Amino acid sequence: RRKAGILPSLEDLLFYTIAEGQEKIPAHKFTTALKATGLRTGDPRLKECMEMLKVTLKETSDGALDRHLFKKCVQSNIVLLTQAFRKKFVIPDFQPFCAHIDDLYENGKNLSGGQVADYIPQLARFSPDLWGVALCTVDGQRHTVGDTKVPFCLQSCVKPLKYAIAIHDHGMEYVHRFIGKEPSGLRFNKLFLNEEDKPHNPMVNAGAIVCTSLIKVISFSASVPVQVINFMNKLAGNEYVGFSNATFQSERESGDRNFAIGYYLKEKKVSTINLGLFLPLPAQLCSIEVTCESASVMAATLANGGFCPITGDRVLSPEAVRNTLSLMHSCGMYDFSGQFAFHVGLPAKSGVAGGILLVVPNVMGIMCWSPPLDKLGNSVRGIQFCTDLVSLFNFHNYDNLRHFAKKHDPRREGGDQRVKSVINLLFAAYTGDVSALRRFALSSMDMEQRDYDSRTALHVAAAEGHTEVVRFLLEACKVNPVPKDRWGNTPLDEAIHFGHHDVVTILRDYHNQYSPQDSPANQQNAEKNLDGML
């Protein structure tokens, strides 16, 4: 028997939470429970845990973990695992949220219409039936549905990323000496500059060309520079990032407009680079390949202030992220940017390959991908998904989180179970925190909750000698004064064992008066007593 009144370790709490009364946890039950929180077994942050699990399972005959072996596996990652299982992530009830995402995906799947882009021959080869959605939260919770492992090119979705690189490398003031911040009101590939002879913003082709010229490139070649690929890998948490040489060759052969824009920029002295060497680079960056899964991590890194959620690495400065999201919000969706900002209210960037990179700041990143495009060049299914998402959840930048009752807020845990945790209750009793207990009682918490040893707050308070807590629980909350733990001990037994004589006196009075029908006590008397104590 462990010492009475001593709280169990986090590893023990996690074991008993998953074991549900059993002496061992089958390995598949642990991994299934882990996935239900949104974490993946391949999450880089859980590498030590998963490696130890593999080693440990080789030593067992039944593929199950007792408490000792379980502790051995999880102790290196216990903080992250405890956050996950205590529902401390940004989306606490992750499975119900994912069910809603699946429904929105099915709604989009039923849409028809739109045309696959054909001005770049490689893009025309994609099936119009391809449709995938992947999301990654700022805590690294993952969910995918549909064709999320099929590689496709970022195309214009790369524009905010290379702008972010330029800001990260040079700072905002330097970059915006050459590029404006306003929507152009014109097609993205127009040969047109603002009144200061600058590109209107980094999301149109002229601005993207200037942004690319500001990226520190060591050498030009037939593929994307190594430092750019390394940056993209960090942004994606080292998940899939590739390069489509076939798409690049198609882009270069059909890129006369971009060459014209480049020379126009040179004429206006916006750019002084060697265009013959440089102009292939924007096409190379557009030909970078991702999947919905890897791109969702890129979006989540933007949502997370520049920190990659699944590696914890800082990839971008906060300034670069803020400026990037601001321009995505106002200019990211071609000629649909104003309507998208009005109806969806979130930063996003679309590309002619059918991708929409969507950011819910401080919550998650999403990549939707479906090749058929509307007349403005945005994915038909992707636009519908984004619109439906904000109709269901209060993710719009200007939704009032407190008073918008018609929408769901997945950031709140259903039923306020987080507040009503038995661990919080027992810890307050253990530390003698009567103020916390008052708050719990006022929030209608069950003050007789038990832990896995069937110990109540009264057991813990009695063992620690907290007379004020004992009085509050008995007099104000009218808890059962004689609950028995798994060893048959009552709070009175605990007080006697640890020599807390004042607590013994209080409990003996209640022990002698108690009869089973007194619990739960008459509600009116309990409320009256509670009001008096508070």
Protein backbone atom coordinates (compact mmCIF):
# COMPACT_ATOMS: atom_id res chain seq x y z
CA ARG A 1 0.00 0.00 0.00
CA ARG A 2 1.25 3.45 -0.90
CA LYS A 3 1.40 6.16 1.74
CA ALA A 4 -2.00 7.66 2.42
CA GLY A 5 -2.45 11.25 1.33
CA ILE A 6 0.47 11.14 -1.14
CA LEU A 7 -0.67 11.89 -4.68
CA PRO A 8 0.30 9.31 -7.32
CA SER A 9 2.87 10.07 -9.99
CA LEU A 10 1.81 11.32 -13.41
CA GLU A 11 2.85 7.96 -14.88
CA ASP A 12 0.57 6.15 -12.41
CA LEU A 13 -2.34 8.46 -13.16
CA LEU A 14 -1.88 7.90 -16.88
CA PHE A 15 -1.71 4.13 -16.41
CA TYR A 16 -4.90 3.93 -14.40
CA THR A 17 -6.68 6.28 -16.79
CA ILE A 18 -5.98 3.99 -19.73
CA ALA A 19 -6.15 0.66 -17.87
CA GLU A 20 -9.73 1.27 -16.62
CA GLY A 21 -9.37 -1.08 -13.68
CA GLN A 22 -7.20 -3.72 -15.38
CA GLU A 23 -3.77 -4.74 -14.15
CA LYS A 24 -2.19 -4.49 -17.60
CA ILE A 25 -2.61 -2.36 -20.72
CA PRO A 26 -2.41 -4.09 -24.12
CA ALA A 27 -0.04 -2.13 -26.35
CA HIS A 28 -2.71 -1.67 -29.03
CA LYS A 29 -5.05 -0.18 -26.44
CA PHE A 30 -2.43 2.42 -25.53
CA THR A 31 -1.76 3.39 -29.16
CA THR A 32 -5.49 3.51 -29.93
CA ALA A 33 -6.09 5.78 -26.93
CA LEU A 34 -3.16 7.92 -28.04
CA LYS A 35 -4.57 8.36 -31.54
CA ALA A 36 -7.93 9.37 -30.08
CA THR A 37 -6.23 12.43 -28.56
CA GLY A 38 -4.99 13.44 -32.03
CA LEU A 39 -1.35 12.43 -31.53
CA ARG A 40 0.34 10.03 -33.93
CA THR A 41 2.68 7.24 -32.92
CA GLY A 42 5.13 8.68 -35.46
CA ASP A 43 5.12 12.12 -33.83
CA PRO A 44 8.78 13.18 -33.46
CA ARG A 45 8.05 14.35 -29.91
CA LEU A 46 7.12 10.77 -28.93
CA LYS A 47 10.18 9.14 -30.47
CA GLU A 48 11.68 8.00 -27.14
CA CYS A 49 8.35 6.60 -25.94
CA MET A 50 7.69 4.62 -29.13
CA GLU A 51 11.22 3.26 -29.29
CA MET A 52 11.05 2.13 -25.66
CA LEU A 53 7.64 0.58 -26.33
CA LYS A 54 9.08 -1.55 -29.13
CA VAL A 55 11.96 -2.70 -26.96
CA THR A 56 9.71 -3.43 -23.99
CA LEU A 57 7.19 -5.44 -26.00
CA LYS A 58 9.96 -7.81 -27.05
CA GLU A 59 10.40 -8.65 -23.36
CA THR A 60 6.72 -9.49 -22.81
CA SER A 61 4.90 -12.62 -23.89
CA ASP A 62 1.38 -11.19 -24.09
CA GLY A 63 2.01 -7.78 -25.69
CA ALA A 64 0.72 -5.99 -22.59
CA LEU A 65 2.27 -3.53 -20.15
CA ASP A 66 1.98 -3.66 -16.39
CA ARG A 67 2.33 -0.47 -14.38
CA HIS A 68 6.12 -0.77 -14.08
CA LEU A 69 6.70 -1.40 -17.79
CA PHE A 70 4.22 1.31 -18.76
CA LYS A 71 6.06 3.84 -16.61
CA LYS A 72 9.33 2.81 -18.23
CA CYS A 73 7.88 3.53 -21.69
CA VAL A 74 6.17 6.85 -21.05
CA GLN A 75 8.39 8.61 -18.53
CA SER A 76 10.55 10.35 -21.17
CA ASN A 77 7.47 11.95 -22.76
CA ILE A 78 5.17 12.12 -19.74
CA VAL A 79 4.45 15.86 -19.93
CA LEU A 80 3.14 15.70 -23.51
CA LEU A 81 1.19 12.49 -22.85
CA THR A 82 -0.37 13.90 -19.69
CA GLN A 83 -1.47 17.01 -21.58
CA ALA A 84 -3.04 14.81 -24.23
CA PHE A 85 -4.96 12.51 -21.91
CA ARG A 86 -6.04 15.28 -19.55
CA LYS A 87 -7.48 17.10 -22.59
CA LYS A 88 -5.19 20.09 -22.29
CA PHE A 89 -4.72 20.48 -26.05
CA VAL A 90 -6.31 23.28 -28.06
CA ILE A 91 -9.02 20.87 -29.30
CA PRO A 92 -9.77 18.86 -26.12
CA ASP A 93 -12.53 16.63 -27.57
CA PHE A 94 -10.70 15.75 -30.75
CA GLN A 95 -12.71 12.80 -32.03
CA PRO A 96 -16.08 14.61 -32.16
CA PHE A 97 -14.33 17.50 -33.92
CA CYS A 98 -12.86 15.12 -36.50
CA ALA A 99 -16.33 13.64 -37.10
CA HIS A 100 -17.53 17.12 -38.06
CA ILE A 101 -14.54 17.56 -40.39
CA ASP A 102 -15.40 14.25 -42.07
CA ASP A 103 -18.96 15.47 -42.62
CA LEU A 104 -17.71 18.69 -44.22
CA TYR A 105 -15.40 16.63 -46.42
CA GLU A 106 -18.32 14.50 -47.62
CA ASN A 107 -20.31 17.64 -48.41
CA GLY A 108 -17.45 18.83 -50.60
CA LYS A 109 -17.03 15.43 -52.22
CA ASN A 110 -20.54 15.64 -53.64
CA LEU A 111 -19.78 18.91 -55.48
CA SER A 112 -19.21 18.92 -59.20
CA GLY A 113 -18.16 21.69 -61.53
CA GLY A 114 -14.96 23.57 -62.10
CA GLN A 115 -12.11 22.85 -64.50
CA VAL A 116 -8.68 21.40 -63.88
CA ALA A 117 -5.98 23.95 -64.85
CA ASP A 118 -4.57 23.05 -68.27
CA TYR A 119 -2.32 25.97 -69.19
CA ILE A 120 0.46 24.00 -67.48
CA PRO A 121 0.28 20.54 -69.15
CA GLN A 122 1.42 18.64 -66.03
CA LEU A 123 -1.48 20.04 -63.97
CA ALA A 124 -4.02 18.87 -66.53
CA ARG A 125 -3.06 15.25 -65.81
CA PHE A 126 -4.64 15.22 -62.33
CA SER A 127 -8.01 13.54 -61.92
CA PRO A 128 -10.87 15.92 -61.07
CA ASP A 129 -12.07 13.36 -58.50
CA LEU A 130 -9.06 13.82 -56.22
CA TRP A 131 -10.08 15.46 -52.94
CA GLY A 132 -8.24 15.59 -49.63
CA VAL A 133 -8.30 17.54 -46.37
CA ALA A 134 -5.61 17.42 -43.68
CA LEU A 135 -5.30 19.43 -40.50
CA CYS A 136 -2.69 19.89 -37.81
CA THR A 137 -3.34 21.85 -34.62
CA VAL A 138 -0.82 24.01 -32.79
CA ASP A 139 -0.44 21.11 -30.32
CA GLY A 140 0.35 18.64 -33.11
CA GLN A 141 -3.04 16.90 -33.23
CA ARG A 142 -3.51 15.42 -36.70
CA HIS A 143 -6.48 14.35 -38.81
CA THR A 144 -6.72 13.47 -42.49
CA VAL A 145 -9.51 12.41 -44.80
CA GLY A 146 -9.44 11.60 -48.51
CA ASP A 147 -6.49 11.76 -50.91
CA THR A 148 -4.04 13.29 -48.45
CA LYS A 149 -0.91 11.35 -49.44
CA VAL A 150 -0.93 12.26 -53.16
CA PRO A 151 1.91 14.71 -54.03
CA PHE A 152 0.95 17.93 -55.82
CA CYS A 153 2.72 21.22 -56.52
CA LEU A 154 2.29 24.22 -54.27
CA GLN A 155 2.04 26.64 -57.20
CA SER A 156 0.83 30.01 -55.82
CA CYS A 157 0.47 28.52 -52.31
CA VAL A 158 4.24 28.98 -52.12
CA LYS A 159 3.92 32.79 -52.37
CA PRO A 160 3.22 33.47 -48.68
CA LEU A 161 5.98 31.05 -47.73
CA LYS A 162 8.66 32.77 -49.79
CA TYR A 163 7.44 36.15 -48.54
CA ALA A 164 7.86 34.78 -45.00
CA ILE A 165 11.41 33.69 -45.86
CA ALA A 166 12.23 37.15 -47.20
CA ILE A 167 10.83 38.84 -44.05
CA HIS A 168 12.67 36.35 -41.86
CA ASP A 169 15.95 37.02 -43.70
CA HIS A 170 15.73 40.80 -44.14
CA GLY A 171 12.99 42.22 -41.88
CA MET A 172 9.77 43.98 -42.85
CA GLU A 173 11.14 47.45 -43.59
CA TYR A 174 13.69 46.25 -46.12
CA VAL A 175 11.30 43.91 -47.96
CA HIS A 176 8.62 46.57 -48.25
CA ARG A 177 10.99 49.01 -49.85
CA PHE A 178 10.30 46.95 -52.96
CA ILE A 179 6.77 45.59 -52.44
CA GLY A 180 3.49 47.16 -51.34
CA LYS A 181 0.86 45.87 -48.93
CA GLU A 182 -2.41 46.63 -50.72
CA PRO A 183 -4.73 44.41 -52.80
CA SER A 184 -4.30 45.30 -56.46
CA GLY A 185 -7.89 44.96 -57.64
CA LEU A 186 -6.44 43.37 -60.80
CA ARG A 187 -5.68 39.90 -62.08
CA PHE A 188 -2.71 38.30 -60.33
CA ASN A 189 -0.54 38.22 -63.49
CA LYS A 190 -1.10 41.77 -64.77
CA LEU A 191 1.85 43.93 -65.88
CA PHE A 192 0.91 46.69 -63.50
CA LEU A 193 2.57 48.40 -60.53
CA ASN A 194 1.29 50.83 -57.91
CA GLU A 195 1.83 54.58 -57.87
CA GLU A 196 5.29 54.09 -56.36
CA ASP A 197 6.24 51.66 -59.14
CA LYS A 198 6.21 48.72 -56.77
CA PRO A 199 4.23 45.48 -57.01
CA HIS A 200 0.99 45.88 -55.05
CA ASN A 201 1.65 42.92 -52.70
CA PRO A 202 3.62 39.65 -52.47
CA MET A 203 0.61 37.50 -53.50
CA VAL A 204 0.49 38.73 -57.12
CA ASN A 205 3.08 37.49 -59.60
CA ALA A 206 5.05 40.74 -59.71
CA GLY A 207 5.37 40.81 -55.93
CA ALA A 208 6.22 37.11 -55.79
CA ILE A 209 9.01 37.61 -58.33
CA VAL A 210 10.51 40.41 -56.24
CA CYS A 211 10.14 38.29 -53.07
CA THR A 212 11.99 35.46 -54.74
CA SER A 213 14.80 37.81 -55.69
CA LEU A 214 15.23 38.69 -52.00
CA ILE A 215 15.73 35.09 -50.90
CA LYS A 216 19.38 34.42 -50.19
CA VAL A 217 20.30 31.92 -52.89
CA ILE A 218 23.87 30.66 -53.03
CA SER A 219 23.66 29.35 -56.59
CA PHE A 220 21.12 28.85 -59.37
CA SER A 221 20.58 25.39 -60.82
CA ALA A 222 18.00 23.14 -62.44
CA SER A 223 16.35 22.38 -59.11
CA VAL A 224 15.29 24.29 -56.02
CA PRO A 225 18.22 25.67 -53.97
CA VAL A 226 19.14 23.48 -51.02
CA GLN A 227 18.53 26.19 -48.43
CA VAL A 228 14.97 26.72 -49.70
CA ILE A 229 14.20 22.99 -49.54
CA ASN A 230 15.71 22.83 -46.04
CA PHE A 231 13.46 25.69 -44.98
CA MET A 232 10.38 23.98 -46.43
CA ASN A 233 11.32 20.75 -44.65
CA LYS A 234 11.53 22.57 -41.32
CA LEU A 235 8.22 24.28 -42.00
CA ALA A 236 6.63 20.86 -42.70
CA GLY A 237 8.16 19.14 -39.67
CA ASN A 238 10.38 17.05 -41.99
CA GLU A 239 7.37 15.49 -43.67
CA TYR A 240 7.14 15.12 -47.45
CA VAL A 241 8.57 17.95 -49.53
CA GLY A 242 9.61 17.14 -53.11
CA PHE A 243 10.16 18.73 -56.50
CA SER A 244 8.39 18.09 -59.81
CA ASN A 245 10.90 18.70 -62.57
CA ALA A 246 8.24 17.95 -65.21
CA THR A 247 6.02 20.72 -63.83
CA PHE A 248 8.99 23.09 -63.71
CA GLN A 249 9.80 22.42 -67.38
CA SER A 250 6.12 22.99 -68.29
CA GLU A 251 6.08 26.24 -66.30
CA ARG A 252 9.27 27.51 -67.94
CA GLU A 253 7.98 26.77 -71.43
CA SER A 254 4.68 28.59 -70.73
CA GLY A 255 6.14 31.37 -68.57
CA ASP A 256 6.37 34.22 -71.09
CA ARG A 257 4.10 36.44 -68.96
CA ASN A 258 6.38 36.08 -65.92
CA PHE A 259 9.44 36.89 -68.05
CA ALA A 260 7.63 39.99 -69.27
CA ILE A 261 6.80 41.00 -65.69
CA GLY A 262 10.43 40.46 -64.73
CA TYR A 263 11.72 42.75 -67.44
CA TYR A 264 9.04 45.31 -66.60
CA LEU A 265 10.30 45.29 -62.99
CA LYS A 266 13.84 45.74 -64.28
CA GLU A 267 12.76 48.69 -66.43
CA LYS A 268 11.15 50.35 -63.38
CA LYS A 269 14.33 49.60 -61.41
CA VAL A 270 12.41 47.53 -58.86
CA SER A 271 14.87 44.73 -59.43
CA THR A 272 18.54 44.82 -60.45
CA ILE A 273 19.16 41.08 -60.63
CA ASN A 274 20.35 39.10 -63.65
CA LEU A 275 16.99 38.03 -65.02
CA GLY A 276 18.45 35.45 -67.35
CA LEU A 277 19.84 33.54 -64.37
CA PHE A 278 17.11 34.38 -61.89
CA LEU A 279 13.74 34.01 -63.62
CA PRO A 280 13.67 30.17 -63.57
CA LEU A 281 13.70 30.31 -59.75
CA PRO A 282 10.05 31.42 -59.23
CA ALA A 283 8.93 28.53 -61.45
CA GLN A 284 11.12 26.17 -59.44
CA LEU A 285 9.53 27.27 -56.18
CA CYS A 286 6.03 26.86 -57.63
CA SER A 287 7.03 23.29 -58.59
CA ILE A 288 7.82 22.26 -55.01
CA GLU A 289 5.68 19.24 -54.16
CA VAL A 290 3.82 18.57 -50.92
CA THR A 291 0.97 16.39 -49.75
CA CYS A 292 -2.09 17.58 -47.86
CA GLU A 293 -0.50 16.11 -44.72
CA SER A 294 2.86 17.87 -44.99
CA ALA A 295 1.27 21.15 -46.11
CA SER A 296 -1.10 21.11 -43.12
CA VAL A 297 1.99 21.15 -40.87
CA MET A 298 3.30 24.15 -42.83
CA ALA A 299 0.00 25.94 -42.20
CA ALA A 300 0.09 24.91 -38.54
CA THR A 301 3.58 26.40 -38.19
CA LEU A 302 2.11 29.71 -39.35
CA ALA A 303 -0.80 29.24 -36.93
CA ASN A 304 1.68 28.57 -34.13
CA GLY A 305 3.66 31.79 -34.45
CA GLY A 306 6.54 30.27 -36.41
CA PHE A 307 7.12 27.18 -34.22
CA CYS A 308 6.59 23.83 -35.94
CA PRO A 309 4.04 21.99 -33.74
CA ILE A 310 5.42 18.49 -34.25
CA THR A 311 9.12 19.28 -33.79
CA GLY A 312 9.04 22.33 -31.54
CA ASP A 313 11.61 24.08 -33.75
CA ARG A 314 11.36 27.81 -34.43
CA VAL A 315 11.22 28.21 -38.19
CA LEU A 316 10.01 31.81 -38.59
CA SER A 317 10.12 34.97 -36.55
CA PRO A 318 6.84 36.25 -35.03
CA GLU A 319 7.12 39.35 -37.23
CA ALA A 320 7.36 37.24 -40.38
CA VAL A 321 4.31 35.19 -39.38
CA ARG A 322 2.17 38.20 -38.47
CA ASN A 323 2.92 40.01 -41.72
CA THR A 324 2.42 36.87 -43.80
CA LEU A 325 -0.97 36.12 -42.27
CA SER A 326 -2.07 39.74 -42.68
CA LEU A 327 -1.35 39.69 -46.41
CA MET A 328 -2.86 36.23 -46.87
CA HIS A 329 -6.04 37.57 -45.27
CA SER A 330 -6.30 40.56 -47.59
CA CYS A 331 -4.73 39.30 -50.83
CA GLY A 332 -4.42 35.51 -50.75
CA MET A 333 -7.37 34.31 -52.82
CA TYR A 334 -6.87 36.05 -56.17
CA ASP A 335 -9.89 38.19 -57.16
CA PHE A 336 -11.99 36.39 -54.53
CA SER A 337 -9.91 37.73 -51.63
CA GLY A 338 -12.46 40.30 -50.46
CA GLN A 339 -15.37 37.85 -50.48
CA PHE A 340 -13.25 35.17 -48.80
CA ALA A 341 -12.20 37.61 -46.05
CA PHE A 342 -15.85 38.58 -45.58
CA HIS A 343 -17.38 35.09 -45.49
CA VAL A 344 -14.53 33.00 -44.05
CA GLY A 345 -12.48 35.63 -42.21
CA LEU A 346 -9.25 33.61 -42.09
CA PRO A 347 -5.82 33.93 -43.75
CA ALA A 348 -5.56 31.63 -46.78
CA LYS A 349 -3.70 31.17 -50.05
CA SER A 350 -4.87 29.23 -53.07
CA GLY A 351 -2.95 27.80 -56.01
CA VAL A 352 -3.88 26.61 -59.49
CA ALA A 353 -2.94 23.02 -58.61
CA GLY A 354 -6.11 23.04 -56.46
CA GLY A 355 -4.66 23.64 -53.02
CA ILE A 356 -5.94 26.04 -50.37
CA LEU A 357 -3.57 26.68 -47.46
CA LEU A 358 -5.84 27.81 -44.59
CA VAL A 359 -4.65 29.13 -41.22
CA VAL A 360 -6.76 29.40 -38.06
CA PRO A 361 -4.37 31.53 -35.95
CA ASN A 362 -3.40 29.98 -32.60
CA VAL A 363 -5.54 26.92 -33.37
CA MET A 364 -4.60 24.93 -36.50
CA GLY A 365 -3.48 24.80 -40.10
CA ILE A 366 -5.44 23.09 -42.87
CA MET A 367 -4.65 22.09 -46.44
CA CYS A 368 -7.57 21.36 -48.77
CA TRP A 369 -6.75 19.98 -52.21
CA SER A 370 -9.01 19.34 -55.19
CA PRO A 371 -7.86 20.13 -58.77
CA PRO A 372 -11.12 21.49 -60.31
CA LEU A 373 -11.01 25.31 -60.15
CA ASP A 374 -13.69 27.98 -60.40
CA LYS A 375 -13.44 30.87 -62.87
CA LEU A 376 -11.24 32.84 -60.42
CA GLY A 377 -8.70 30.04 -60.08
CA ASN A 378 -9.70 28.69 -56.64
CA SER A 379 -10.54 25.08 -55.80
CA VAL A 380 -14.33 24.60 -55.96
CA ARG A 381 -14.40 21.98 -53.20
CA GLY A 382 -11.79 23.84 -51.15
CA ILE A 383 -13.82 27.07 -51.11
CA GLN A 384 -16.93 25.17 -50.08
CA PHE A 385 -15.06 23.37 -47.28
CA CYS A 386 -13.65 26.63 -45.88
CA THR A 387 -17.07 28.29 -45.99
CA ASP A 388 -18.75 25.31 -44.30
CA LEU A 389 -16.00 25.14 -41.66
CA VAL A 390 -16.62 28.72 -40.52
CA SER A 391 -20.40 28.26 -40.70
CA LEU A 392 -20.11 25.38 -38.22
CA PHE A 393 -17.29 26.56 -35.95
CA ASN A 394 -16.61 30.05 -34.59
CA PHE A 395 -13.24 30.34 -36.34
CA HIS A 396 -14.04 33.54 -38.26
CA ASN A 397 -11.73 36.30 -37.02
CA TYR A 398 -14.70 38.40 -35.99
CA ASP A 399 -16.89 35.75 -34.39
CA ASN A 400 -17.52 36.68 -30.77
CA LEU A 401 -16.36 33.68 -28.76
CA ARG A 402 -18.56 34.50 -25.79
CA HIS A 403 -21.87 35.40 -27.39
CA PHE A 404 -21.98 33.56 -30.73
CA ALA A 405 -24.12 30.71 -29.44
CA LYS A 406 -25.16 29.39 -32.85
CA LYS A 407 -21.71 28.01 -33.63
CA HIS A 408 -19.59 25.32 -32.02
CA ASP A 409 -16.38 26.22 -30.21
CA PRO A 410 -14.16 23.09 -30.37
CA ARG A 411 -11.64 24.84 -28.12
CA ARG A 412 -13.97 24.29 -25.17
CA GLU A 413 -14.23 20.89 -23.60
CA GLY A 414 -17.69 19.41 -23.59
CA GLY A 415 -19.40 19.53 -20.21
CA ASP A 416 -16.51 21.46 -18.61
CA GLN A 417 -14.94 18.14 -17.64
CA ARG A 418 -11.56 19.78 -17.39
CA VAL A 419 -12.75 21.90 -14.47
CA LYS A 420 -14.43 18.92 -12.83
CA SER A 421 -11.39 16.70 -12.80
CA VAL A 422 -11.01 14.45 -9.78
CA ILE A 423 -7.29 15.17 -9.85
CA ASN A 424 -7.89 18.88 -9.31
CA LEU A 425 -10.27 18.11 -6.47
CA LEU A 426 -7.87 15.76 -4.67
CA PHE A 427 -4.94 18.11 -5.17
CA ALA A 428 -6.86 20.98 -3.59
CA ALA A 429 -7.66 18.73 -0.62
CA TYR A 430 -4.03 17.60 -0.42
CA THR A 431 -2.71 21.17 -0.29
CA GLY A 432 -5.48 22.48 1.99
CA ASP A 433 -6.73 24.93 -0.66
CA VAL A 434 -10.21 25.75 0.65
CA SER A 435 -10.64 28.59 -1.85
CA ALA A 436 -10.27 26.15 -4.73
CA LEU A 437 -12.72 23.76 -3.09
CA ARG A 438 -15.24 26.58 -2.76
CA ARG A 439 -14.93 27.28 -6.48
CA PHE A 440 -15.40 23.62 -7.29
CA ALA A 441 -18.49 23.40 -5.07
CA LEU A 442 -19.99 26.50 -6.67
CA SER A 443 -19.45 25.01 -10.12
CA SER A 444 -21.59 22.00 -9.13
CA MET A 445 -18.66 19.61 -8.98
CA ASP A 446 -19.29 16.24 -7.37
CA MET A 447 -17.29 16.65 -4.14
CA GLU A 448 -17.43 12.89 -3.46
CA GLN A 449 -15.50 11.89 -6.58
CA ARG A 450 -13.00 9.06 -6.09
CA ASP A 451 -9.64 8.26 -7.59
CA TYR A 452 -8.57 4.81 -8.82
CA ASP A 453 -7.98 3.73 -5.17
CA SER A 454 -11.53 4.85 -4.28
CA ARG A 455 -10.09 7.62 -2.16
CA THR A 456 -12.08 10.83 -1.80
CA ALA A 457 -11.06 14.39 -1.06
CA LEU A 458 -12.10 13.73 2.55
CA HIS A 459 -9.63 10.82 2.75
CA VAL A 460 -6.80 13.03 1.51
CA ALA A 461 -7.67 16.01 3.73
CA ALA A 462 -7.93 13.76 6.80
CA ALA A 463 -4.59 12.11 6.06
CA GLU A 464 -2.94 15.54 5.72
CA GLY A 465 -4.60 17.01 8.81
CA HIS A 466 -6.38 19.91 7.08
CA THR A 467 -9.15 20.60 9.60
CA GLU A 468 -10.61 23.54 7.64
CA VAL A 469 -10.94 21.38 4.52
CA VAL A 470 -12.51 18.54 6.51
CA ARG A 471 -15.07 20.92 8.06
CA PHE A 472 -15.90 22.45 4.67
CA LEU A 473 -16.46 19.07 3.03
CA LEU A 474 -18.60 17.78 5.91
CA GLU A 475 -20.56 20.87 6.86
CA ALA A 476 -20.94 22.78 3.60
CA CYS A 477 -20.81 20.00 1.02
CA LYS A 478 -22.47 17.28 3.14
CA VAL A 479 -20.17 14.58 1.80
CA ASN A 480 -20.36 11.03 3.08
CA PRO A 481 -18.19 11.02 6.26
CA VAL A 482 -17.45 7.26 6.11
CA PRO A 483 -16.45 6.39 2.52
CA LYS A 484 -14.14 3.39 2.24
CA ASP A 485 -11.16 3.19 -0.08
CA ARG A 486 -9.97 0.02 -1.82
CA TRP A 487 -8.34 -1.16 1.43
CA GLY A 488 -11.48 -0.56 3.49
CA ASN A 489 -10.13 2.54 5.25
CA THR A 490 -12.33 5.53 6.10
CA PRO A 491 -11.14 9.14 6.54
CA LEU A 492 -11.28 8.53 10.31
CA ASP A 493 -8.84 5.64 9.93
CA GLU A 494 -6.49 7.92 8.01
CA ALA A 495 -6.64 10.67 10.65
CA ILE A 496 -5.95 8.16 13.46
CA HIS A 497 -3.09 6.55 11.53
CA PHE A 498 -1.34 9.89 10.94
CA GLY A 499 -2.06 11.29 14.42
CA HIS A 500 -4.23 14.28 13.47
CA HIS A 501 -6.23 14.51 16.71
CA ASP A 502 -8.34 17.57 15.79
CA VAL A 503 -9.49 15.85 12.61
CA VAL A 504 -10.22 12.64 14.57
CA THR A 505 -12.53 14.60 16.92
CA ILE A 506 -14.44 16.18 14.00
CA LEU A 507 -14.81 12.91 12.12
CA ARG A 508 -15.91 10.88 15.17
CA ASP A 509 -18.87 13.22 15.69
CA TYR A 510 -19.99 12.70 12.11
CA HIS A 511 -19.10 9.02 12.17
CA ASN A 512 -21.44 8.41 15.10
CA GLN A 513 -24.30 10.43 13.57
CA TYR A 514 -24.07 9.07 10.04
CA SER A 515 -26.62 6.75 8.49
CA PRO A 516 -26.68 5.68 4.80
CA GLN A 517 -29.84 7.61 3.99
CA ASP A 518 -28.08 10.85 4.95
CA SER A 519 -26.01 10.76 1.73
CA PRO A 520 -26.66 12.64 -0.39
CA ALA A 521 -28.02 15.04 2.21
CA ASN A 522 -31.17 17.03 1.74
CA GLN A 523 -30.35 19.43 -1.12
CA GLN A 524 -31.97 22.47 0.47
CA ASN A 525 -30.02 22.07 3.71
CA ALA A 526 -26.80 21.50 1.78
CA GLU A 527 -27.28 24.65 -0.27
CA LYS A 528 -28.13 26.64 2.86
CA ASN A 529 -25.01 25.41 4.64
CA LEU A 530 -22.88 26.02 1.56
CA ASP A 531 -24.08 29.61 1.29
CA GLY A 532 -23.17 30.15 4.93
CA MET A 533 -19.68 28.71 4.55
CA LEU A 534 -18.98 30.72 1.39
